[in-house]
């Protein structure tokens, strides 16, 4: 993963905005409460606890867009 270090240094809010997701939309995709997302919004991705980080990473990288049937 060549660009892995660049994405790990950005905050959750910055990565979320790059994917044009609101906190509510991200929480819905992860099946979490919106307040949980807002709590970690100012943390860098590398500082997020591991079970949540592994769920966040594919969404914040945009991997979920690969499964859209009309593309």
N, C-alpha and C. Protein backbone atom coordinates (compact mmCIF):
# COMPACT_ATOMS: atom_id res chain seq x y z
N UNK A 1 0.84 -1.16 0.00
CA UNK A 1 0.00 0.00 0.00
C UNK A 1 0.89 1.23 0.00
N UNK A 2 1.01 1.84 -1.13
CA UNK A 2 1.92 2.96 -1.31
C UNK A 2 1.40 4.24 -0.67
N UNK A 3 0.10 4.48 -0.78
CA UNK A 3 -0.46 5.72 -0.26
C UNK A 3 -1.05 5.55 1.12
N UNK A 4 -0.79 4.45 1.79
CA UNK A 4 -1.36 4.18 3.10
C UNK A 4 -0.93 5.17 4.15
N UNK A 5 0.29 5.63 4.09
CA UNK A 5 0.76 6.56 5.12
C UNK A 5 0.11 7.94 4.96
N UNK A 6 -0.23 8.33 3.75
CA UNK A 6 -0.87 9.63 3.55
C UNK A 6 -2.28 9.64 4.11
N UNK A 7 -3.02 8.59 3.92
CA UNK A 7 -4.40 8.54 4.40
C UNK A 7 -4.44 8.39 5.91
N UNK A 8 -3.45 7.76 6.50
CA UNK A 8 -3.43 7.57 7.95
C UNK A 8 -3.14 8.87 8.70
N UNK A 9 -2.54 9.86 8.03
CA UNK A 9 -2.20 11.12 8.69
C UNK A 9 -3.33 12.14 8.64
N UNK A 10 -4.40 11.86 7.91
CA UNK A 10 -5.51 12.80 7.80
C UNK A 10 -6.57 12.52 8.86
N UNK A 11 -7.33 13.54 9.20
CA UNK A 11 -8.38 13.36 10.19
C UNK A 11 -9.59 12.69 9.55
N UNK A 12 -10.44 12.13 10.40
CA UNK A 12 -11.65 11.46 9.92
C UNK A 12 -12.54 12.47 9.20
N UNK A 13 -12.64 13.67 9.75
CA UNK A 13 -13.48 14.70 9.14
C UNK A 13 -13.00 15.05 7.74
N UNK A 14 -11.70 15.18 7.58
CA UNK A 14 -11.13 15.52 6.29
C UNK A 14 -11.38 14.40 5.27
N UNK A 15 -11.19 13.16 5.68
CA UNK A 15 -11.42 12.02 4.78
C UNK A 15 -12.91 11.88 4.46
N UNK A 16 -13.75 12.14 5.44
CA UNK A 16 -15.20 12.06 5.25
C UNK A 16 -15.66 13.12 4.25
N UNK A 17 -15.13 14.32 4.37
CA UNK A 17 -15.49 15.40 3.44
C UNK A 17 -14.97 15.12 2.03
N UNK A 18 -13.83 14.45 1.91
CA UNK A 18 -13.30 14.10 0.60
C UNK A 18 -14.21 13.11 -0.13
N UNK A 19 -14.93 12.28 0.62
CA UNK A 19 -15.87 11.32 0.04
C UNK A 19 -17.29 11.90 -0.05
N UNK A 20 -17.45 13.18 0.31
CA UNK A 20 -18.74 13.87 0.30
C UNK A 20 -19.76 13.17 1.18
N UNK A 21 -19.35 12.76 2.35
CA UNK A 21 -20.22 12.10 3.30
C UNK A 21 -20.44 12.99 4.51
N UNK A 22 -21.66 13.05 4.99
CA UNK A 22 -21.92 13.72 6.25
C UNK A 22 -21.68 12.72 7.38
N UNK A 23 -21.67 13.21 8.60
CA UNK A 23 -21.46 12.32 9.74
C UNK A 23 -22.61 11.31 9.84
N UNK A 24 -23.82 11.75 9.53
CA UNK A 24 -24.98 10.86 9.58
C UNK A 24 -24.88 9.77 8.52
N UNK A 25 -24.46 10.13 7.30
CA UNK A 25 -24.34 9.14 6.23
C UNK A 25 -23.26 8.11 6.56
N UNK A 26 -22.14 8.57 7.10
CA UNK A 26 -21.07 7.65 7.48
C UNK A 26 -21.52 6.74 8.60
N UNK A 27 -22.24 7.29 9.56
CA UNK A 27 -22.76 6.48 10.66
C UNK A 27 -23.75 5.44 10.15
N UNK A 28 -24.57 5.79 9.18
CA UNK A 28 -25.51 4.83 8.61
C UNK A 28 -24.80 3.70 7.89
N UNK A 29 -23.74 4.02 7.18
CA UNK A 29 -22.98 2.99 6.47
C UNK A 29 -22.29 2.03 7.45
N UNK A 30 -21.87 2.55 8.60
CA UNK A 30 -21.19 1.72 9.60
C UNK A 30 -22.14 1.14 10.64
N UNK A 31 -23.43 1.52 10.55
CA UNK A 31 -24.43 1.08 11.52
C UNK A 31 -24.05 1.51 12.94
N UNK A 32 -23.64 2.78 13.05
CA UNK A 32 -23.29 3.38 14.33
C UNK A 32 -24.18 4.58 14.58
N UNK A 33 -24.04 5.15 15.77
CA UNK A 33 -24.74 6.37 16.09
C UNK A 33 -23.94 7.56 15.56
N UNK A 34 -24.63 8.63 15.19
CA UNK A 34 -23.96 9.81 14.65
C UNK A 34 -23.01 10.42 15.67
N UNK A 35 -23.36 10.34 16.93
CA UNK A 35 -22.48 10.90 17.96
C UNK A 35 -21.15 10.15 18.05
N UNK A 36 -21.15 8.87 17.75
CA UNK A 36 -19.89 8.11 17.74
C UNK A 36 -18.95 8.65 16.66
N UNK A 37 -19.50 8.99 15.51
CA UNK A 37 -18.69 9.54 14.43
C UNK A 37 -18.19 10.93 14.80
N UNK A 38 -19.06 11.73 15.40
CA UNK A 38 -18.65 13.09 15.78
C UNK A 38 -17.59 13.07 16.88
N UNK A 39 -17.59 12.03 17.72
CA UNK A 39 -16.57 11.92 18.75
C UNK A 39 -15.18 11.68 18.17
N UNK A 40 -15.10 10.93 17.08
CA UNK A 40 -13.80 10.60 16.49
C UNK A 40 -13.46 11.50 15.31
N UNK A 41 -14.30 12.48 15.01
CA UNK A 41 -14.12 13.32 13.83
C UNK A 41 -12.78 14.04 13.81
N UNK A 42 -12.28 14.49 14.95
CA UNK A 42 -11.03 15.24 14.98
C UNK A 42 -9.80 14.36 15.18
N UNK A 43 -9.98 13.06 15.28
CA UNK A 43 -8.85 12.15 15.41
C UNK A 43 -8.27 11.82 14.04
N UNK A 44 -6.99 11.56 14.01
CA UNK A 44 -6.37 11.06 12.79
C UNK A 44 -6.72 9.58 12.67
N UNK A 45 -6.74 9.09 11.45
CA UNK A 45 -7.15 7.71 11.22
C UNK A 45 -6.26 6.72 11.96
N UNK A 46 -4.99 7.03 12.09
CA UNK A 46 -4.08 6.11 12.78
C UNK A 46 -4.36 6.05 14.28
N UNK A 47 -5.05 7.06 14.84
CA UNK A 47 -5.35 7.09 16.27
C UNK A 47 -6.69 6.45 16.64
N UNK A 48 -7.45 6.05 15.64
CA UNK A 48 -8.76 5.43 15.89
C UNK A 48 -8.53 3.99 16.34
N UNK A 49 -9.29 3.51 17.32
CA UNK A 49 -9.13 2.12 17.78
C UNK A 49 -9.36 1.12 16.64
N UNK A 50 -8.69 -0.01 16.72
CA UNK A 50 -8.61 -0.95 15.61
C UNK A 50 -9.94 -1.51 15.09
N UNK A 51 -10.87 -1.97 15.89
CA UNK A 51 -12.06 -2.53 15.25
C UNK A 51 -12.82 -1.50 14.42
N UNK A 52 -12.82 -0.26 14.87
CA UNK A 52 -13.50 0.79 14.13
C UNK A 52 -12.69 1.22 12.91
N UNK A 53 -11.37 1.23 13.05
CA UNK A 53 -10.51 1.64 11.93
C UNK A 53 -10.66 0.71 10.74
N UNK A 54 -10.76 -0.59 11.00
CA UNK A 54 -10.89 -1.54 9.89
C UNK A 54 -12.23 -1.41 9.19
N UNK A 55 -13.25 -0.92 9.89
CA UNK A 55 -14.54 -0.67 9.25
C UNK A 55 -14.55 0.66 8.51
N UNK A 56 -13.84 1.65 9.02
CA UNK A 56 -13.80 2.97 8.41
C UNK A 56 -12.95 3.03 7.14
N UNK A 57 -11.87 2.33 7.12
CA UNK A 57 -10.88 2.44 6.04
C UNK A 57 -11.46 2.21 4.65
N UNK A 58 -12.22 1.14 4.39
CA UNK A 58 -12.75 0.96 3.03
C UNK A 58 -13.73 2.06 2.61
N UNK A 59 -14.48 2.57 3.55
CA UNK A 59 -15.45 3.62 3.21
C UNK A 59 -14.73 4.93 2.92
N UNK A 60 -13.74 5.26 3.74
CA UNK A 60 -13.04 6.53 3.56
C UNK A 60 -12.08 6.51 2.37
N UNK A 61 -11.68 5.31 1.93
CA UNK A 61 -10.88 5.19 0.71
C UNK A 61 -11.74 5.20 -0.54
N UNK A 62 -13.04 4.90 -0.39
CA UNK A 62 -13.94 4.87 -1.53
C UNK A 62 -14.10 3.50 -2.13
N UNK A 63 -13.70 2.45 -1.42
CA UNK A 63 -13.82 1.09 -1.94
C UNK A 63 -15.27 0.66 -2.12
N UNK A 64 -16.18 1.24 -1.34
CA UNK A 64 -17.58 0.86 -1.45
C UNK A 64 -18.16 1.28 -2.79
N UNK A 65 -17.53 2.22 -3.48
CA UNK A 65 -18.01 2.68 -4.79
C UNK A 65 -17.75 1.63 -5.88
N UNK A 66 -16.86 0.69 -5.63
CA UNK A 66 -16.55 -0.34 -6.62
C UNK A 66 -17.70 -1.32 -6.81
N UNK A 67 -18.61 -1.41 -5.84
CA UNK A 67 -19.68 -2.39 -5.88
C UNK A 67 -20.98 -1.84 -6.44
N UNK A 68 -20.97 -0.64 -6.97
CA UNK A 68 -22.17 -0.06 -7.55
C UNK A 68 -22.42 -0.73 -8.89
N UNK A 69 -23.62 -1.27 -9.12
CA UNK A 69 -23.87 -2.09 -10.30
C UNK A 69 -23.84 -1.34 -11.62
N UNK A 70 -24.08 -0.04 -11.66
CA UNK A 70 -24.15 0.65 -12.94
C UNK A 70 -22.81 1.21 -13.39
N UNK A 71 -21.75 0.97 -12.65
CA UNK A 71 -20.42 1.44 -13.08
C UNK A 71 -19.67 0.39 -13.82
